[in-house]
Amino acid sequence: WRVGIGPGRPGPVRPAPAR
C-alpha cells in the first residue's frame, strides 16, 4: 500500500513493504 494514494489518505508516498 502507499500512504497518500487514495481518497482521504494524505501523507508521504511510501512504497509497499517487502513482506
N, C-alpha and C. Protein backbone atom coordinates (compact mmCIF):
# COMPACT_ATOMS: atom_id res chain seq x y z
N TRP A 1 0.85 -1.18 0.00
CA TRP A 1 0.00 0.00 0.00
C TRP A 1 0.89 1.24 0.00
N ARG A 2 0.30 2.37 -0.39
CA ARG A 2 1.08 3.60 -0.42
C ARG A 2 0.33 4.71 0.29
N VAL A 3 0.97 5.29 1.28
CA VAL A 3 0.35 6.39 2.01
C VAL A 3 0.28 7.62 1.12
N GLY A 4 -0.90 8.20 0.99
CA GLY A 4 -1.05 9.38 0.13
C GLY A 4 -1.79 9.00 -1.14
N ILE A 5 -1.86 7.69 -1.41
CA ILE A 5 -2.55 7.25 -2.60
C ILE A 5 -3.96 6.79 -2.25
N GLY A 6 -4.96 7.55 -2.68
CA GLY A 6 -6.34 7.15 -2.40
C GLY A 6 -7.12 8.27 -1.74
N PRO A 7 -8.42 8.15 -1.73
CA PRO A 7 -9.30 9.18 -1.15
C PRO A 7 -9.16 9.23 0.37
N GLY A 8 -8.88 10.43 0.89
CA GLY A 8 -8.79 10.58 2.35
C GLY A 8 -7.55 9.91 2.89
N ARG A 9 -6.50 9.84 2.07
CA ARG A 9 -5.26 9.22 2.54
C ARG A 9 -4.08 10.17 2.36
N PRO A 10 -4.09 11.28 3.09
CA PRO A 10 -2.99 12.24 2.98
C PRO A 10 -1.73 11.72 3.67
N GLY A 11 -0.58 12.18 3.22
CA GLY A 11 0.67 11.75 3.85
C GLY A 11 1.75 11.51 2.82
N PRO A 12 2.96 11.18 3.29
CA PRO A 12 4.09 10.93 2.39
C PRO A 12 3.88 9.65 1.59
N VAL A 13 4.35 9.66 0.34
CA VAL A 13 4.18 8.49 -0.52
C VAL A 13 5.29 7.47 -0.24
N ARG A 14 4.91 6.32 0.27
CA ARG A 14 5.91 5.29 0.57
C ARG A 14 5.60 4.01 -0.20
N PRO A 15 6.64 3.34 -0.70
CA PRO A 15 6.46 2.09 -1.44
C PRO A 15 5.98 0.98 -0.49
N ALA A 16 5.33 -0.03 -1.05
CA ALA A 16 4.81 -1.13 -0.23
C ALA A 16 5.96 -1.87 0.45
N PRO A 17 5.74 -2.30 1.70
CA PRO A 17 6.77 -3.02 2.45
C PRO A 17 7.08 -4.38 1.80
N ALA A 18 8.33 -4.81 1.92
CA ALA A 18 8.72 -6.08 1.29
C ALA A 18 8.33 -7.26 2.16
N ARG A 19 7.03 -7.43 2.36
CA ARG A 19 6.56 -8.54 3.21
C ARG A 19 5.72 -9.49 2.39
